[in-house]
N, C-alpha and C. Protein backbone atom coordinates (compact mmCIF):
# COMPACT_ATOMS: atom_id res chain seq x y z
N MET A 1 264.49 145.83 302.09
CA MET A 1 264.40 147.25 301.38
C MET A 1 265.07 148.16 302.55
N GLY A 2 266.41 147.91 302.50
CA GLY A 2 267.10 148.99 303.33
C GLY A 2 267.11 148.60 304.80
N GLY A 3 266.86 147.49 305.12
CA GLY A 3 266.69 147.36 306.41
C GLY A 3 265.33 147.49 307.22
N LYS A 4 264.48 147.98 306.55
CA LYS A 4 263.19 148.38 307.33
C LYS A 4 262.17 147.20 306.58
N THR A 5 261.08 147.08 307.56
CA THR A 5 260.19 146.11 307.17
C THR A 5 259.01 146.89 306.23
N TRP A 6 258.33 146.06 305.54
CA TRP A 6 257.29 146.77 304.81
C TRP A 6 256.14 147.56 305.68
N GLU A 7 256.14 146.96 307.02
CA GLU A 7 255.18 147.90 307.59
C GLU A 7 256.06 149.22 308.05
N GLU A 8 257.14 149.35 308.32
CA GLU A 8 257.84 150.31 308.46
C GLU A 8 257.85 151.72 307.48
N TRP A 9 258.01 151.12 306.13
CA TRP A 9 257.87 151.67 305.01
C TRP A 9 256.67 152.31 305.04
N ILE A 10 255.43 151.45 305.25
CA ILE A 10 254.01 151.85 305.32
C ILE A 10 253.99 152.96 305.97
N GLU A 11 254.30 152.76 307.26
CA GLU A 11 254.14 153.61 308.23
C GLU A 11 254.79 154.95 308.17
N GLU A 12 255.88 155.02 307.77
CA GLU A 12 256.60 156.23 307.45
C GLU A 12 255.71 157.08 306.06
N TYR A 13 255.44 156.40 305.27
CA TYR A 13 254.58 156.77 304.00
C TYR A 13 253.36 157.51 304.59
N SER A 14 252.73 156.76 305.54
CA SER A 14 251.24 157.53 305.91
C SER A 14 251.51 158.48 306.83
N GLN A 15 252.64 158.75 307.26
CA GLN A 15 252.84 160.06 307.72
C GLN A 15 252.81 161.39 307.10
N SER A 16 253.32 161.10 305.75
CA SER A 16 253.16 162.17 304.55
C SER A 16 251.61 162.11 304.03
N HIS A 17 250.65 161.23 304.30
CA HIS A 17 249.42 161.04 303.69
C HIS A 17 248.35 161.22 304.79
N GLN A 18 248.41 162.37 305.39
CA GLN A 18 247.35 162.67 306.63
C GLN A 18 246.16 163.21 306.47
N ASN A 19 246.48 164.52 305.16
CA ASN A 19 245.21 165.16 304.66
C ASN A 19 244.17 164.42 303.72
N LYS A 20 242.95 164.67 304.22
CA LYS A 20 241.88 163.90 303.62
C LYS A 20 242.01 163.94 301.91
N ILE A 21 242.11 165.27 301.64
CA ILE A 21 242.28 165.38 300.05
C ILE A 21 243.23 164.85 299.43
N ASN A 22 244.59 164.65 300.22
CA ASN A 22 245.76 163.90 299.39
C ASN A 22 244.99 162.29 299.66
N GLN A 23 244.74 162.02 300.39
CA GLN A 23 244.17 160.55 300.66
C GLN A 23 243.19 160.32 299.38
N LEU A 24 242.28 161.15 299.24
CA LEU A 24 241.44 160.84 298.20
C LEU A 24 242.13 160.89 296.99
N THR A 25 242.92 161.77 296.51
CA THR A 25 243.64 161.87 295.43
C THR A 25 244.39 160.51 295.20
N HIS A 26 245.07 160.18 296.05
CA HIS A 26 245.72 158.89 296.31
C HIS A 26 244.79 157.63 295.86
N LYS A 27 243.79 157.68 296.51
CA LYS A 27 242.84 156.64 296.27
C LYS A 27 242.50 156.36 294.80
N PHE A 28 242.46 157.31 293.96
CA PHE A 28 242.32 157.07 292.64
C PHE A 28 243.55 157.26 291.81
N GLY A 29 244.52 158.02 292.25
CA GLY A 29 245.74 158.20 291.53
C GLY A 29 246.68 157.11 291.36
N ILE A 30 246.77 156.49 292.60
CA ILE A 30 247.85 155.16 292.49
C ILE A 30 247.19 153.87 291.86
N PRO A 31 245.84 153.65 291.76
CA PRO A 31 245.69 152.43 290.98
C PRO A 31 245.57 152.72 289.35
N MET A 32 245.61 154.22 289.18
CA MET A 32 245.50 154.66 287.72
C MET A 32 246.63 154.49 287.38
N ILE A 33 247.96 154.87 288.14
CA ILE A 33 249.29 154.63 287.66
C ILE A 33 249.52 153.08 287.75
N ALA A 34 249.05 152.16 288.61
CA ALA A 34 249.29 150.94 288.48
C ALA A 34 248.98 150.30 287.23
N LEU A 35 247.67 150.68 286.95
CA LEU A 35 246.94 150.12 285.68
C LEU A 35 247.64 150.35 284.26
N SER A 36 247.84 151.75 284.55
CA SER A 36 248.85 152.29 283.23
C SER A 36 250.09 151.20 282.91
N VAL A 37 250.67 151.01 284.25
CA VAL A 37 251.93 150.28 283.87
C VAL A 37 251.52 149.02 283.23
N PHE A 38 250.66 148.36 283.77
CA PHE A 38 250.16 147.17 283.15
C PHE A 38 249.76 146.97 281.76
N LEU A 39 249.23 148.16 281.12
CA LEU A 39 248.78 148.24 280.18
C LEU A 39 249.64 148.78 278.94
N ILE A 40 250.99 149.10 279.36
CA ILE A 40 251.91 149.56 278.53
C ILE A 40 252.23 148.58 277.42
N ILE A 41 252.64 147.30 277.72
CA ILE A 41 253.27 146.42 276.90
C ILE A 41 251.95 146.01 275.86
N PRO A 42 250.64 145.63 276.47
CA PRO A 42 249.45 145.20 275.40
C PRO A 42 249.13 146.52 274.83
N GLY A 43 249.41 147.43 275.45
CA GLY A 43 249.12 148.70 274.48
C GLY A 43 249.89 148.92 273.11
N PHE A 44 251.26 148.29 273.13
CA PHE A 44 251.99 148.43 271.88
C PHE A 44 251.20 147.47 270.80
N PHE A 45 250.29 146.43 271.21
CA PHE A 45 249.67 145.54 270.19
C PHE A 45 248.23 145.61 269.94
N ILE A 46 247.67 146.52 270.90
CA ILE A 46 246.05 146.83 270.58
C ILE A 46 246.09 148.08 270.41
N GLY A 47 245.52 148.43 269.19
CA GLY A 47 245.28 149.81 268.64
C GLY A 47 244.59 150.66 269.88
N GLY A 48 245.34 151.76 269.95
CA GLY A 48 244.68 152.84 270.84
C GLY A 48 245.01 152.55 272.55
N LEU A 49 245.17 151.55 272.76
CA LEU A 49 245.56 151.12 274.12
C LEU A 49 246.46 151.97 274.94
N TRP A 50 247.34 152.17 274.14
CA TRP A 50 248.67 152.91 274.84
C TRP A 50 248.08 154.24 275.20
N LYS A 51 247.10 154.89 274.26
CA LYS A 51 246.63 156.24 274.65
C LYS A 51 245.87 156.09 275.86
N ILE A 52 245.08 154.99 276.24
CA ILE A 52 244.39 155.08 277.66
C ILE A 52 245.57 154.79 278.75
N ALA A 53 246.43 153.80 278.52
CA ALA A 53 247.67 153.82 279.28
C ALA A 53 248.20 155.22 279.66
N MET A 54 248.37 156.06 278.68
CA MET A 54 249.44 157.20 278.89
C MET A 54 248.35 158.16 279.56
N TRP A 55 247.10 158.07 279.25
CA TRP A 55 245.88 159.29 280.01
C TRP A 55 245.93 158.68 281.41
N LEU A 56 246.00 157.42 281.77
CA LEU A 56 245.69 157.05 283.05
C LEU A 56 247.09 157.20 283.89
N PHE A 57 248.34 157.39 283.40
CA PHE A 57 249.58 157.53 284.10
C PHE A 57 249.61 158.96 284.34
N ILE A 58 249.34 159.72 283.28
CA ILE A 58 249.49 161.29 283.54
C ILE A 58 248.51 161.72 284.36
N VAL A 59 247.20 161.41 284.18
CA VAL A 59 246.07 161.95 285.45
C VAL A 59 246.63 161.26 286.64
N GLY A 60 247.12 160.12 286.60
CA GLY A 60 247.18 159.72 288.01
C GLY A 60 248.18 160.39 288.93
N TRP A 61 249.54 160.50 287.92
CA TRP A 61 250.35 161.70 288.59
C TRP A 61 249.81 162.99 288.98
N ILE A 62 248.96 163.52 288.11
CA ILE A 62 248.53 164.90 288.26
C ILE A 62 247.86 164.83 289.65
N LEU A 63 247.06 163.82 289.86
CA LEU A 63 246.19 163.69 291.25
C LEU A 63 247.18 163.73 292.36
N GLN A 64 248.28 162.59 292.11
CA GLN A 64 249.21 162.67 293.32
C GLN A 64 249.81 163.96 293.60
N PHE A 65 250.39 164.74 292.60
CA PHE A 65 250.60 166.09 293.07
C PHE A 65 249.59 167.09 293.67
N ILE A 66 248.71 167.07 292.98
CA ILE A 66 247.57 167.68 293.59
C ILE A 66 247.13 167.58 295.29
N GLY A 67 247.09 166.12 295.54
CA GLY A 67 246.98 165.90 296.81
C GLY A 67 248.12 166.27 297.64
N HIS A 68 249.57 166.28 297.22
CA HIS A 68 250.72 166.76 298.06
C HIS A 68 250.46 168.37 298.10
N TYR A 69 249.89 169.01 297.25
CA TYR A 69 249.89 170.41 297.29
C TYR A 69 248.99 170.49 298.69
N TYR A 70 247.79 169.77 298.76
CA TYR A 70 246.91 170.19 299.88
C TYR A 70 247.71 169.69 301.16
N GLU A 71 248.17 168.51 301.30
CA GLU A 71 249.21 168.11 302.32
C GLU A 71 250.11 168.73 302.80
N GLY A 72 250.73 169.76 301.70
CA GLY A 72 251.90 170.62 302.17
C GLY A 72 253.03 169.97 302.37
N LYS A 73 253.21 168.82 301.99
CA LYS A 73 254.63 167.94 301.82
C LYS A 73 254.82 167.63 300.48
N PRO A 74 256.21 167.41 300.33
CA PRO A 74 256.38 166.56 298.81
C PRO A 74 256.27 165.21 298.94
N PRO A 75 256.17 164.58 297.81
CA PRO A 75 255.71 163.13 297.60
C PRO A 75 257.14 162.28 298.19
N GLU A 76 257.00 161.39 298.93
CA GLU A 76 258.00 160.85 299.62
C GLU A 76 259.24 160.09 298.71
N PHE A 77 258.64 159.84 297.31
CA PHE A 77 259.94 159.32 296.69
C PHE A 77 261.09 160.25 296.26
N LEU A 78 260.60 161.69 296.38
CA LEU A 78 261.36 162.66 296.29
C LEU A 78 262.85 162.62 297.12
N LYS A 79 262.54 162.10 298.49
CA LYS A 79 263.65 161.83 299.23
C LYS A 79 264.10 160.38 299.31
N ASP A 80 263.38 159.34 298.60
CA ASP A 80 263.92 158.17 298.61
C ASP A 80 262.86 157.29 297.52
N TRP A 81 263.72 156.78 296.30
CA TRP A 81 262.92 156.54 295.36
C TRP A 81 262.28 155.20 295.68
N ARG A 82 262.39 154.51 296.75
CA ARG A 82 261.91 153.30 297.21
C ARG A 82 260.33 153.34 297.51
N PHE A 83 260.21 154.59 297.91
CA PHE A 83 258.76 154.89 298.00
C PHE A 83 257.72 154.82 296.90
N LEU A 84 258.49 154.75 295.62
CA LEU A 84 257.53 154.50 294.46
C LEU A 84 257.08 153.23 294.67
N PHE A 85 257.39 152.22 295.48
CA PHE A 85 256.99 150.79 295.38
C PHE A 85 256.22 150.62 296.78
N VAL A 86 256.26 151.56 297.54
CA VAL A 86 255.43 151.60 298.79
C VAL A 86 254.10 152.03 298.81
N GLY A 87 253.82 153.22 297.94
CA GLY A 87 252.64 153.63 297.43
C GLY A 87 251.53 152.39 297.23
N LEU A 88 251.87 151.81 296.30
CA LEU A 88 250.66 150.78 295.80
C LEU A 88 250.52 149.72 297.27
N ARG A 89 251.75 149.35 297.99
CA ARG A 89 251.20 148.53 298.94
C ARG A 89 250.42 149.20 300.39
N TRP A 90 250.67 150.51 300.47
CA TRP A 90 249.91 151.60 301.18
C TRP A 90 248.61 151.48 300.81
N TRP A 91 248.47 151.66 299.45
CA TRP A 91 246.94 151.81 298.82
C TRP A 91 246.15 150.53 299.33
N PHE A 92 246.68 149.40 299.06
CA PHE A 92 246.04 148.20 299.33
C PHE A 92 245.80 148.21 300.81
N LYS A 93 246.57 148.49 301.78
CA LYS A 93 246.43 148.43 303.14
C LYS A 93 245.13 149.38 303.50
N LYS A 94 245.38 150.63 302.72
CA LYS A 94 244.08 151.83 303.08
C LYS A 94 242.64 151.21 302.64
N ILE A 95 242.53 150.60 301.29
CA ILE A 95 241.31 150.07 301.19
C ILE A 95 241.05 148.87 302.15
N GLN A 96 241.64 148.23 302.54
CA GLN A 96 241.69 146.96 303.61
C GLN A 96 241.16 147.69 304.92
N GLY A 97 241.39 148.96 305.26
CA GLY A 97 241.29 149.42 306.21
C GLY A 97 242.44 149.27 307.40
N LYS A 98 243.66 148.85 306.87
CA LYS A 98 244.64 148.53 307.72
C LYS A 98 245.79 149.68 307.70
N ALA A 99 245.46 150.75 307.28
CA ALA A 99 246.76 152.11 306.94
C ALA A 99 246.23 153.22 307.40
């Protein structure tokens, strides 16, 4: 990914996620967004599931932006779209106590 290791990407991402409120909103928002993406396809075949996926996606992103308001910094993906893929790995490291 652009000559950086995953650890370098995660470290850079972590620098914009120091505020405790931002970390809390990401703790819930990131898995909500990830789950919504996985529910999109089955949502077309299972009645009403697409509504849940949409709700998870929207609320997850609202939480992200609320967190960045308190952080005082814009989301990293605004400067580099590849950070959209780093957030989930950062979240996994965070819940494992490694980030």
